[in-house]
C-alpha atoms as a PDB file:
ATOM      1  CA  UNK A   1     128.952  72.197 120.103  1.00  0.00           C
ATOM      2  CA  UNK A   2     128.381  75.649 118.499  1.00  0.00           C
ATOM      3  CA  UNK A   3     127.899  78.601 120.766  1.00  0.00           C
ATOM      4  CA  UNK A   4     124.498  79.306 119.247  1.00  0.00           C
ATOM      5  CA  UNK A   5     122.088  77.025 117.350  1.00  0.00           C
ATOM      6  CA  UNK A   6     119.808  78.360 114.656  1.00  0.00           C
ATOM      7  CA  UNK A   7     117.095  76.660 112.669  1.00  0.00           C
ATOM      8  CA  UNK A   8     114.589  77.677 110.021  1.00  0.00           C
ATOM      9  CA  UNK A   9     111.017  77.285 111.257  1.00  0.00           C
ATOM     10  CA  UNK A  10     107.666  77.501 109.523  1.00  0.00           C
ATOM     11  CA  UNK A  11     104.347  77.929 111.325  1.00  0.00           C
ATOM     12  CA  UNK A  12     101.555  77.195 108.856  1.00  0.00           C
ATOM     13  CA  UNK A  13      97.877  76.447 109.254  1.00  0.00           C
ATOM     14  CA  UNK A  14      94.561  77.129 107.471  1.00  0.00           C
ATOM     15  CA  UNK A  15      92.407  79.820 109.103  1.00  0.00           C
ATOM     16  CA  UNK A  16      88.684  79.255 108.551  1.00  0.00           C
ATOM     17  CA  UNK A  17      85.931  81.681 109.535  1.00  0.00           C
ATOM     18  CA  UNK A  18      82.219  81.886 108.862  1.00  0.00           C
ATOM     19  CA  UNK A  19      80.963  84.990 107.085  1.00  0.00           C
ATOM     20  CA  UNK A  20      78.075  87.202 108.188  1.00  0.00           C
ATOM     21  CA  UNK A  21      75.692  88.812 105.674  1.00  0.00           C
ATOM     22  CA  UNK A  22      78.017  91.776 104.912  1.00  0.00           C
ATOM     23  CA  UNK A  23      81.255  89.889 104.292  1.00  0.00           C
ATOM     24  CA  UNK A  24      79.366  87.106 102.462  1.00  0.00           C
ATOM     25  CA  UNK A  25      77.857  89.629 100.060  1.00  0.00           C
ATOM     26  CA  UNK A  26      81.233  91.380  99.573  1.00  0.00           C
ATOM     27  CA  UNK A  27      83.143  88.212  98.693  1.00  0.00           C
ATOM     28  CA  UNK A  28      80.344  86.726  96.627  1.00  0.00           C
ATOM     29  CA  UNK A  29      80.165  90.013  94.777  1.00  0.00           C
ATOM     30  CA  UNK A  30      83.866  89.828  93.912  1.00  0.00           C
ATOM     31  CA  UNK A  31      83.233  86.378  92.436  1.00  0.00           C
ATOM     32  CA  UNK A  32      80.604  88.032  90.220  1.00  0.00           C
ATOM     33  CA  UNK A  33      82.854  91.019  89.398  1.00  0.00           C
ATOM     34  CA  UNK A  34      80.840  93.382  91.561  1.00  0.00           C
ATOM     35  CA  UNK A  35      82.405  95.488  94.308  1.00  0.00           C
ATOM     36  CA  UNK A  36      80.136  96.168  97.300  1.00  0.00           C
ATOM     37  CA  UNK A  37      80.598  98.565 100.194  1.00  0.00           C
ATOM     38  CA  UNK A  38      78.422  99.394 103.170  1.00  0.00           C
ATOM     39  CA  UNK A  39      77.009 102.747 104.179  1.00  0.00           C
ATOM     40  CA  UNK A  40      77.877 103.956 107.694  1.00  0.00           C
ATOM     41  CA  UNK A  41      75.474 105.981 109.845  1.00  0.00           C
ATOM     42  CA  UNK A  42      77.309 109.197 108.868  1.00  0.00           C
ATOM     43  CA  UNK A  43      76.666 108.478 105.169  1.00  0.00           C
ATOM     44  CA  UNK A  44      80.183 107.382 104.266  1.00  0.00           C
ATOM     45  CA  UNK A  45      80.606 104.283 102.063  1.00  0.00           C
ATOM     46  CA  UNK A  46      83.157 101.868 103.477  1.00  0.00           C
ATOM     47  CA  UNK A  47      85.095  99.621 101.089  1.00  0.00           C
ATOM     48  CA  UNK A  48      86.020  96.998 102.070  1.00  0.00           C
ATOM     49  CA  UNK A  49      82.784  96.858 104.088  1.00  0.00           C
ATOM     50  CA  UNK A  50      82.723  96.689 107.863  1.00  0.00           C
ATOM     51  CA  UNK A  51      80.082  94.855 109.870  1.00  0.00           C
ATOM     52  CA  UNK A  52      79.943  97.515 112.535  1.00  0.00           C
ATOM     53  CA  UNK A  53      80.024 101.309 112.308  1.00  0.00           C
ATOM     54  CA  UNK A  54      83.542 102.509 113.182  1.00  0.00           C
ATOM     55  CA  UNK A  55      82.061 105.604 114.836  1.00  0.00           C
ATOM     56  CA  UNK A  56      79.097 104.238 116.788  1.00  0.00           C
ATOM     57  CA  UNK A  57      79.930 100.482 116.919  1.00  0.00           C
ATOM     58  CA  UNK A  58      76.352  99.763 115.790  1.00  0.00           C
ATOM     59  CA  UNK A  59      75.701  97.027 113.250  1.00  0.00           C
ATOM     60  CA  UNK A  60      75.454  98.275 109.631  1.00  0.00           C
ATOM     61  CA  UNK A  61      73.865  96.372 106.751  1.00  0.00           C
ATOM     62  CA  UNK A  62      73.057  98.886 103.968  1.00  0.00           C
ATOM     63  CA  UNK A  63      74.994  97.547 100.987  1.00  0.00           C
ATOM     64  CA  UNK A  64      75.925  99.703  98.000  1.00  0.00           C
ATOM     65  CA  UNK A  65      77.692  98.941  94.751  1.00  0.00           C
ATOM     66  CA  UNK A  66      80.717 101.076  93.867  1.00  0.00           C
ATOM     67  CA  UNK A  67      82.841 101.377  90.769  1.00  0.00           C
ATOM     68  CA  UNK A  68      85.669  99.131  89.616  1.00  0.00           C
ATOM     69  CA  UNK A  69      87.832 102.155  88.893  1.00  0.00           C
ATOM     70  CA  UNK A  70      89.401 104.383  91.521  1.00  0.00           C
ATOM     71  CA  UNK A  71      92.166 106.672  92.663  1.00  0.00           C
ATOM     72  CA  UNK A  72      95.469 105.863  94.377  1.00  0.00           C
ATOM     73  CA  UNK A  73      95.650 107.615  97.738  1.00  0.00           C
ATOM     74  CA  UNK A  74      99.090 106.337  98.768  1.00  0.00           C
ATOM     75  CA  UNK A  75     101.544 103.640  97.673  1.00  0.00           C
ATOM     76  CA  UNK A  76     104.802 101.803  98.347  1.00  0.00           C
ATOM     77  CA  UNK A  77     107.005 100.043  95.818  1.00  0.00           C
ATOM     78  CA  UNK A  78     107.731  96.325  96.317  1.00  0.00           C
ATOM     79  CA  UNK A  79     110.922  95.503  94.312  1.00  0.00           C
ATOM     80  CA  UNK A  80     111.183  91.852  95.435  1.00  0.00           C
ATOM     81  CA  UNK A  81     107.839  90.027  95.708  1.00  0.00           C
ATOM     82  CA  UNK A  82     107.690  87.163  98.180  1.00  0.00           C
ATOM     83  CA  UNK A  83     106.044  83.794  97.496  1.00  0.00           C
ATOM     84  CA  UNK A  84     102.253  83.875  97.297  1.00  0.00           C
ATOM     85  CA  UNK A  85     102.059  87.657  96.918  1.00  0.00           C
ATOM     86  CA  UNK A  86      99.647  88.909  94.221  1.00  0.00           C
ATOM     87  CA  UNK A  87     102.287  89.334  91.501  1.00  0.00           C
ATOM     88  CA  UNK A  88     105.582  87.613  90.786  1.00  0.00           C
ATOM     89  CA  UNK A  89     107.176  90.718  89.235  1.00  0.00           C
ATOM     90  CA  UNK A  90     107.938  93.974  91.095  1.00  0.00           C
ATOM     91  CA  UNK A  91     104.760  95.903  91.852  1.00  0.00           C
ATOM     92  CA  UNK A  92     103.320  98.659  94.051  1.00  0.00           C
ATOM     93  CA  UNK A  93     101.226  98.185  97.131  1.00  0.00           C
ATOM     94  CA  UNK A  94      98.474 100.770  96.787  1.00  0.00           C
ATOM     95  CA  UNK A  95      95.503 102.097  98.710  1.00  0.00           C
ATOM     96  CA  UNK A  96      92.743 102.703  96.176  1.00  0.00           C
ATOM     97  CA  UNK A  97      89.594 104.721  96.847  1.00  0.00           C
ATOM     98  CA  UNK A  98      87.114 103.205  94.410  1.00  0.00           C
ATOM     99  CA  UNK A  99      84.694 105.593  92.738  1.00  0.00           C
ATOM    100  CA  UNK A 100      81.738 106.021  95.027  1.00  0.00           C
ATOM    101  CA  UNK A 101      83.666 104.929  98.131  1.00  0.00           C
ATOM    102  CA  UNK A 102      84.946 107.063 100.994  1.00  0.00           C
ATOM    103  CA  UNK A 103      87.624 104.678 102.248  1.00  0.00           C
ATOM    104  CA  UNK A 104      90.539 102.953 100.476  1.00  0.00           C
ATOM    105  CA  UNK A 105      91.171  99.289  99.630  1.00  0.00           C
ATOM    106  CA  UNK A 106      94.678  97.779  99.905  1.00  0.00           C
ATOM    107  CA  UNK A 107      95.859  95.767  96.934  1.00  0.00           C
ATOM    108  CA  UNK A 108      98.613  95.452  94.330  1.00  0.00           C
ATOM    109  CA  UNK A 109      99.132  97.690  91.292  1.00  0.00           C
ATOM    110  CA  UNK A 110     100.803  96.184  88.228  1.00  0.00           C
ATOM    111  CA  UNK A 111     103.105  98.978  87.083  1.00  0.00           C
ATOM    112  CA  UNK A 112     106.333  98.895  85.016  1.00  0.00           C
ATOM    113  CA  UNK A 113     108.299 100.742  87.712  1.00  0.00           C
ATOM    114  CA  UNK A 114     107.990 103.145  90.642  1.00  0.00           C
ATOM    115  CA  UNK A 115     108.215 106.100  88.277  1.00  0.00           C
ATOM    116  CA  UNK A 116     104.842 105.033  86.850  1.00  0.00           C
ATOM    117  CA  UNK A 117     103.078 105.211  90.225  1.00  0.00           C
ATOM    118  CA  UNK A 118     101.860 108.363  91.901  1.00  0.00           C
ATOM    119  CA  UNK A 119      99.266 109.488  94.428  1.00  0.00           C
ATOM    120  CA  UNK A 120      96.194 110.527  92.518  1.00  0.00           C
ATOM    121  CA  UNK A 121      96.750 108.078  89.670  1.00  0.00           C
ATOM    122  CA  UNK A 122      93.646 106.514  88.176  1.00  0.00           C
ATOM    123  CA  UNK A 123      93.449 102.706  88.223  1.00  0.00           C
ATOM    124  CA  UNK A 124      90.989  99.918  87.541  1.00  0.00           C
ATOM    125  CA  UNK A 125      90.383  96.404  88.758  1.00  0.00           C
ATOM    126  CA  UNK A 126      91.945  93.527  86.856  1.00  0.00           C
ATOM    127  CA  UNK A 127      89.805  90.491  87.596  1.00  0.00           C
ATOM    128  CA  UNK A 128      91.212  87.015  88.107  1.00  0.00           C
ATOM    129  CA  UNK A 129      90.274  84.498  85.428  1.00  0.00           C
ATOM    130  CA  UNK A 130      89.198  81.989  88.037  1.00  0.00           C
ATOM    131  CA  UNK A 131      87.167  83.541  90.858  1.00  0.00           C
ATOM    132  CA  UNK A 132      86.042  81.700  94.010  1.00  0.00           C
ATOM    133  CA  UNK A 133      84.742  84.409  96.310  1.00  0.00           C
ATOM    134  CA  UNK A 134      87.917  85.823  97.913  1.00  0.00           C
ATOM    135  CA  UNK A 135      89.883  89.095  97.833  1.00  0.00           C
ATOM    136  CA  UNK A 136      92.200  87.361  95.336  1.00  0.00           C
ATOM    137  CA  UNK A 137      89.340  87.540  92.801  1.00  0.00           C
ATOM    138  CA  UNK A 138      90.810  90.966  92.256  1.00  0.00           C
ATOM    139  CA  UNK A 139      94.059  89.841  90.659  1.00  0.00           C
ATOM    140  CA  UNK A 140      95.455  93.376  90.991  1.00  0.00           C
ATOM    141  CA  UNK A 141      94.863  96.923  89.854  1.00  0.00           C
ATOM    142  CA  UNK A 142      96.202  98.305  86.559  1.00  0.00           C
ATOM    143  CA  UNK A 143      96.801 101.905  85.415  1.00  0.00           C
ATOM    144  CA  UNK A 144      93.838 103.667  83.786  1.00  0.00           C
ATOM    145  CA  UNK A 145      94.601 106.530  81.392  1.00  0.00           C
ATOM    146  CA  UNK A 146      91.560 108.670  82.043  1.00  0.00           C
ATOM    147  CA  UNK A 147      90.801 111.701  84.274  1.00  0.00           C
ATOM    148  CA  UNK A 148      88.498 111.472  87.247  1.00  0.00           C
ATOM    149  CA  UNK A 149      85.228 113.296  86.547  1.00  0.00           C
ATOM    150  CA  UNK A 150      84.230 113.632  90.185  1.00  0.00           C
ATOM    151  CA  UNK A 151      81.917 111.899  92.635  1.00  0.00           C
ATOM    152  CA  UNK A 152      79.335 111.165  89.991  1.00  0.00           C
ATOM    153  CA  UNK A 153      81.705 108.657  88.320  1.00  0.00           C
ATOM    154  CA  UNK A 154      81.014 105.243  89.796  1.00  0.00           C
ATOM    155  CA  UNK A 155      78.458 106.714  92.210  1.00  0.00           C
ATOM    156  CA  UNK A 156      77.449 104.228  94.906  1.00  0.00           C
ATOM    157  CA  UNK A 157      74.070 102.616  94.150  1.00  0.00           C
ATOM    158  CA  UNK A 158      71.939 100.489  96.502  1.00  0.00           C
ATOM    159  CA  UNK A 159      72.413  96.715  96.266  1.00  0.00           C
ATOM    160  CA  UNK A 160      70.426  94.019  98.074  1.00  0.00           C
ATOM    161  CA  UNK A 161      73.432  91.724  98.392  1.00  0.00           C
ATOM    162  CA  UNK A 162      71.556  88.802  96.877  1.00  0.00           C
ATOM    163  CA  UNK A 163      73.529  86.372  94.735  1.00  0.00           C
ATOM    164  CA  UNK A 164      73.086  82.794  93.643  1.00  0.00           C
ATOM    165  CA  UNK A 165      75.141  80.307  95.677  1.00  0.00           C
ATOM    166  CA  UNK A 166      76.556  82.819  98.167  1.00  0.00           C
ATOM    167  CA  UNK A 167      79.960  82.352  99.827  1.00  0.00           C
ATOM    168  CA  UNK A 168      79.337  81.567 103.504  1.00  0.00           C
ATOM    169  CA  UNK A 169      82.818  80.781 104.833  1.00  0.00           C
ATOM    170  CA  UNK A 170      86.418  81.652 104.090  1.00  0.00           C
ATOM    171  CA  UNK A 171      89.577  79.583 104.504  1.00  0.00           C
ATOM    172  CA  UNK A 172      92.833  81.494 104.245  1.00  0.00           C
ATOM    173  CA  UNK A 173      96.346  80.008 104.718  1.00  0.00           C
ATOM    174  CA  UNK A 174      98.342  81.554 107.527  1.00  0.00           C
ATOM    175  CA  UNK A 175     102.097  81.097 107.297  1.00  0.00           C
ATOM    176  CA  UNK A 176     105.073  82.481 109.198  1.00  0.00           C
ATOM    177  CA  UNK A 177     108.649  81.746 108.102  1.00  0.00           C
ATOM    178  CA  UNK A 178     111.428  82.708 110.478  1.00  0.00           C
ATOM    179  CA  UNK A 179     114.819  81.695 111.813  1.00  0.00           C
ATOM    180  CA  UNK A 180     114.849  80.629 115.466  1.00  0.00           C
ATOM    181  CA  UNK A 181     117.890  81.213 117.650  1.00  0.00           C
ATOM    182  CA  UNK A 182     117.467  79.523 121.041  1.00  0.00           C
ATOM    183  CA  UNK A 183     120.351  81.301 122.842  1.00  0.00           C
ATOM    184  CA  UNK A 184     123.134  79.859 124.981  1.00  0.00           C
ATOM    185  CA  UNK A 185     120.982  78.228 127.672  1.00  0.00           C
ATOM    186  CA  UNK A 186     118.700  76.344 125.299  1.00  0.00           C
ATOM    187  CA  UNK A 187     121.586  75.531 122.986  1.00  0.00           C
ATOM    188  CA  UNK A 188     123.228  73.706 125.890  1.00  0.00           C
ATOM    189  CA  UNK A 189     119.912  72.065 126.755  1.00  0.00           C
ATOM    190  CA  UNK A 190     119.336  70.868 123.182  1.00  0.00           C
ATOM    191  CA  UNK A 191     122.894  69.604 122.946  1.00  0.00           C
ATOM    192  CA  UNK A 192     122.388  67.602 126.142  1.00  0.00           C
ATOM    193  CA  UNK A 193     119.101  66.201 124.790  1.00  0.00           C
ATOM    194  CA  UNK A 194     120.955  64.960 121.696  1.00  0.00           C
ATOM    195  CA  UNK A 195     123.108  62.950 124.164  1.00  0.00           C
ATOM    196  CA  UNK A 196     119.931  61.810 125.938  1.00  0.00           C
ATOM    197  CA  UNK A 197     120.654  63.921 128.990  1.00  0.00           C
ATOM    198  CA  UNK A 198     117.992  66.015 130.712  1.00  0.00           C
ATOM    199  CA  UNK A 199     119.312  69.168 132.365  1.00  0.00           C
ATOM    200  CA  UNK A 200     118.032  72.327 133.918  1.00  0.00           C
ATOM    201  CA  UNK A 201     119.432  75.464 135.474  1.00  0.00           C
ATOM    202  CA  UNK A 202     119.300  76.472 139.136  1.00  0.00           C
ATOM    203  CA  UNK A 203     118.467  80.034 140.077  1.00  0.00           C
ATOM    204  CA  UNK A 204     121.111  81.395 142.497  1.00  0.00           C
ATOM    205  CA  UNK A 205     118.420  83.364 144.337  1.00  0.00           C
ATOM    206  CA  UNK A 206     115.317  81.186 144.791  1.00  0.00           C
ATOM    207  CA  UNK A 207     117.258  77.920 144.127  1.00  0.00           C
ATOM    208  CA  UNK A 208     114.535  76.602 141.815  1.00  0.00           C
ATOM    209  CA  UNK A 209     115.587  74.362 138.913  1.00  0.00           C
ATOM    210  CA  UNK A 210     113.975  75.352 135.626  1.00  0.00           C
ATOM    211  CA  UNK A 211     113.510  72.924 132.747  1.00  0.00           C
ATOM    212  CA  UNK A 212     113.862  73.777 129.955  1.00  0.00           C
ATOM    213  CA  UNK A 213     116.374  76.470 130.945  1.00  0.00           C
ATOM    214  CA  UNK A 214     116.018  80.057 129.760  1.00  0.00           C
ATOM    215  CA  UNK A 215     119.288  81.525 130.971  1.00  0.00           C
ATOM    216  CA  UNK A 216     117.551  83.527 133.680  1.00  0.00           C
ATOM    217  CA  UNK A 217     115.067  82.791 136.433  1.00  0.00           C
ATOM    218  CA  UNK A 218     111.552  83.768 135.263  1.00  0.00           C
ATOM    219  CA  UNK A 219     110.617  84.654 138.834  1.00  0.00           C
ATOM    220  CA  UNK A 220     113.704  86.457 140.145  1.00  0.00           C
ATOM    221  CA  UNK A 221     115.033  87.772 136.831  1.00  0.00           C
ATOM    222  CA  UNK A 222     118.622  86.901 137.639  1.00  0.00           C
ATOM    223  CA  UNK A 223     121.044  84.960 135.443  1.00  0.00           C
ATOM    224  CA  UNK A 224     121.195  81.237 136.058  1.00  0.00           C
ATOM    225  CA  UNK A 225     124.305  79.319 135.028  1.00  0.00           C
ATOM    226  CA  UNK A 226     124.436  76.336 137.387  1.00  0.00           C
ATOM    227  CA  UNK A 227     123.652  73.172 135.392  1.00  0.00           C
ATOM    228  CA  UNK A 228     121.587  70.520 137.138  1.00  0.00           C
ATOM    229  CA  UNK A 229     120.806  66.974 135.972  1.00  0.00           C
ATOM    230  CA  UNK A 230     117.095  66.147 136.290  1.00  0.00           C
ATOM    231  CA  UNK A 231     114.865  63.163 135.579  1.00  0.00           C
ATOM    232  CA  UNK A 232     114.840  61.248 133.418  1.00  0.00           C
ATOM    233  CA  UNK A 233     111.674  60.099 135.121  1.00  0.00           C
ATOM    234  CA  UNK A 234     108.876  62.426 136.071  1.00  0.00           C
ATOM    235  CA  UNK A 235     105.239  62.850 137.107  1.00  0.00           C
ATOM    236  CA  UNK A 236     102.224  63.868 135.016  1.00  0.00           C
ATOM    237  CA  UNK A 237     100.758  66.950 136.698  1.00  0.00           C
ATOM    238  CA  UNK A 238      98.011  67.910 134.238  1.00  0.00           C
ATOM    239  CA  UNK A 239      97.084  66.732 130.729  1.00  0.00           C
ATOM    240  CA  UNK A 240      94.680  67.112 127.829  1.00  0.00           C
ATOM    241  CA  UNK A 241      93.270  64.662 125.291  1.00  0.00           C
ATOM    242  CA  UNK A 242      93.807  65.744 121.686  1.00  0.00           C
ATOM    243  CA  UNK A 243      90.989  64.579 119.391  1.00  0.00           C
ATOM    244  CA  UNK A 244      91.641  66.692 116.296  1.00  0.00           C
ATOM    245  CA  UNK A 245      94.288  65.399 113.932  1.00  0.00           C
ATOM    246  CA  UNK A 246      96.807  67.958 112.757  1.00  0.00           C
ATOM    247  CA  UNK A 247      97.788  68.085 109.107  1.00  0.00           C
ATOM    248  CA  UNK A 248     100.845  65.974 108.267  1.00  0.00           C
ATOM    249  CA  UNK A 249     101.024  64.586 111.789  1.00  0.00           C
ATOM    250  CA  UNK A 250     101.601  60.814 111.821  1.00  0.00           C
ATOM    251  CA  UNK A 251      99.973  60.291 115.224  1.00  0.00           C
ATOM    252  CA  UNK A 252      96.537  58.725 115.522  1.00  0.00           C
ATOM    253  CA  UNK A 253      93.936  60.521 117.590  1.00  0.00           C
ATOM    254  CA  UNK A 254      92.977  60.626 120.324  1.00  0.00           C
ATOM    255  CA  UNK A 255      96.287  61.026 122.105  1.00  0.00           C
ATOM    256  CA  UNK A 256      97.422  62.770 125.286  1.00  0.00           C
ATOM    257  CA  UNK A 257      99.670  65.786 125.767  1.00  0.00           C
ATOM    258  CA  UNK A 258     100.755  66.391 129.341  1.00  0.00           C
ATOM    259  CA  UNK A 259     102.699  68.624 131.668  1.00  0.00           C
ATOM    260  CA  UNK A 260     105.470  66.502 133.179  1.00  0.00           C
ATOM    261  CA  UNK A 261     107.417  67.471 136.301  1.00  0.00           C
ATOM    262  CA  UNK A 262     110.801  65.754 135.933  1.00  0.00           C
ATOM    263  CA  UNK A 263     112.384  64.544 139.134  1.00  0.00           C
ATOM    264  CA  UNK A 264     114.494  67.356 140.584  1.00  0.00           C
ATOM    265  CA  UNK A 265     112.813  70.115 138.471  1.00  0.00           C
ATOM    266  CA  UNK A 266     110.708  72.963 139.759  1.00  0.00           C
ATOM    267  CA  UNK A 267     108.918  73.618 136.463  1.00  0.00           C
ATOM    268  CA  UNK A 268     106.846  71.178 134.420  1.00  0.00           C
ATOM    269  CA  UNK A 269     107.601  70.692 130.730  1.00  0.00           C
ATOM    270  CA  UNK A 270     105.176  69.265 128.171  1.00  0.00           C
ATOM    271  CA  UNK A 271     105.357  66.002 126.244  1.00  0.00           C
ATOM    272  CA  UNK A 272     103.209  63.373 124.582  1.00  0.00           C
ATOM    273  CA  UNK A 273     102.159  60.315 126.596  1.00  0.00           C
ATOM    274  CA  UNK A 274     102.148  56.935 124.810  1.00  0.00           C
ATOM    275  CA  UNK A 275     102.369  53.273 125.707  1.00  0.00           C
ATOM    276  CA  UNK A 276      99.029  53.480 127.588  1.00  0.00           C
ATOM    277  CA  UNK A 277      95.434  53.962 126.451  1.00  0.00           C
ATOM    278  CA  UNK A 278      94.574  57.645 126.370  1.00  0.00           C
ATOM    279  CA  UNK A 279      91.747  57.211 128.841  1.00  0.00           C
ATOM    280  CA  UNK A 280      94.083  55.699 131.427  1.00  0.00           C
ATOM    281  CA  UNK A 281      96.400  58.692 131.659  1.00  0.00           C
ATOM    282  CA  UNK A 282      95.945  60.423 134.983  1.00  0.00           C
ATOM    283  CA  UNK A 283      97.460  63.022 137.258  1.00  0.00           C
ATOM    284  CA  UNK A 284     100.297  61.542 139.302  1.00  0.00           C
ATOM    285  CA  UNK A 285     101.205  58.960 136.651  1.00  0.00           C
ATOM    286  CA  UNK A 286     104.933  58.220 136.693  1.00  0.00           C
ATOM    287  CA  UNK A 287     106.561  58.366 133.271  1.00  0.00           C
ATOM    288  CA  UNK A 288     109.952  58.188 131.516  1.00  0.00           C
ATOM    289  CA  UNK A 289     111.213  59.473 128.180  1.00  0.00           C
ATOM    290  CA  UNK A 290     111.494  57.296 125.042  1.00  0.00           C
ATOM    291  CA  UNK A 291     113.977  58.201 122.318  1.00  0.00           C
ATOM    292  CA  UNK A 292     113.817  56.771 118.824  1.00  0.00           C
ATOM    293  CA  UNK A 293     116.966  56.144 116.809  1.00  0.00           C
ATOM    294  CA  UNK A 294     118.316  59.389 115.455  1.00  0.00           C
ATOM    295  CA  UNK A 295     116.049  61.602 117.588  1.00  0.00           C
ATOM    296  CA  UNK A 296     117.589  64.650 119.222  1.00  0.00           C
ATOM    297  CA  UNK A 297     114.788  64.833 121.815  1.00  0.00           C
ATOM    298  CA  UNK A 298     112.360  62.361 123.446  1.00  0.00           C
ATOM    299  CA  UNK A 299     109.674  61.152 121.046  1.00  0.00           C
ATOM    300  CA  UNK A 300     107.198  60.579 123.916  1.00  0.00           C
ATOM    301  CA  UNK A 301     106.930  59.550 127.531  1.00  0.00           C
ATOM    302  CA  UNK A 302     105.652  56.142 128.741  1.00  0.00           C
ATOM    303  CA  UNK A 303     104.561  54.784 132.137  1.00  0.00           C
ATOM    304  CA  UNK A 304     107.361  53.488 134.329  1.00  0.00           C
ATOM    305  CA  UNK A 305     105.193  51.008 136.230  1.00  0.00           C
ATOM    306  CA  UNK A 306     105.842  52.780 139.550  1.00  0.00           C
ATOM    307  CA  UNK A 307     102.993  53.635 141.892  1.00  0.00           C
ATOM    308  CA  UNK A 308     101.375  57.002 141.187  1.00  0.00           C
ATOM    309  CA  UNK A 309     102.976  59.978 142.879  1.00  0.00           C
ATOM    310  CA  UNK A 310     101.188  61.453 145.879  1.00  0.00           C
ATOM    311  CA  UNK A 311      99.343  64.684 144.997  1.00  0.00           C
ATOM    312  CA  UNK A 312     101.205  66.677 147.663  1.00  0.00           C
ATOM    313  CA  UNK A 313     104.534  65.960 145.883  1.00  0.00           C
ATOM    314  CA  UNK A 314     103.556  67.817 142.734  1.00  0.00           C
ATOM    315  CA  UNK A 315     100.661  70.132 143.597  1.00  0.00           C
ATOM    316  CA  UNK A 316     102.959  73.181 143.640  1.00  0.00           C
ATOM    317  CA  UNK A 317     103.827  72.495 139.979  1.00  0.00           C
ATOM    318  CA  UNK A 318     100.249  72.556 138.678  1.00  0.00           C
END
């Protein structure tokens, strides 16, 4: 068994939020090739617009239209774009203060190289061909070969924020790619699971057995190296019924996820309960792990048929 295991992991889910009147007008405006800001109580025009005044925390609603040209206030070159970034070729991340605005908008600038980017450069919006009411309706910024004539260029003008078929919600994909290294303690634990053995580690100070092991006692903070066999049977201490189906999950809802105190352990782990109707799962239910062929960890836990555990035997593990 290798000293350390590593594995690539991806956490990905869609993030959906409803939009209030300010954000709705801003995103709908982008769909219509209009950039809106909001005027703060001190007179400044904020782009992108905020729903609350950054100085007073009061709600602000006064929408204004600003220009689609602006000035680079600062920038950083991106030589190797990652997947799903605005451009597939090297580009600059820029903060652009649009004409008529007092704050800067973060986006991408399509430039041939870092030598073509500078603070103070004039740029303009390049609109996406297909616009849906999202920040990506601005495909990027592009250089603009013209001088800035002053505040009167693109001066902010009042806008009522009214559009046909306004955007009322936003769904954005959230994704995190990383490499997970479990460390020595969990590497041993995962290796044992692959052999269908359940093990923990005993703290030399408080003598508690922790499953899964972390290499150190979470209470005492001292290293724990003594390996202890636990389970395989255990007791359901608490549980929840899951009624929302996760994307790409081949498990029918509703189902139960529970905290399970394995026999001999002083810390409950979590696992899915199957082999019993979801509405019959209960605290104190005695369960055992079920492995499927090829699995490196239990697929789920099922009832053992034993009498329920007495509450006093597991109450300290709630």
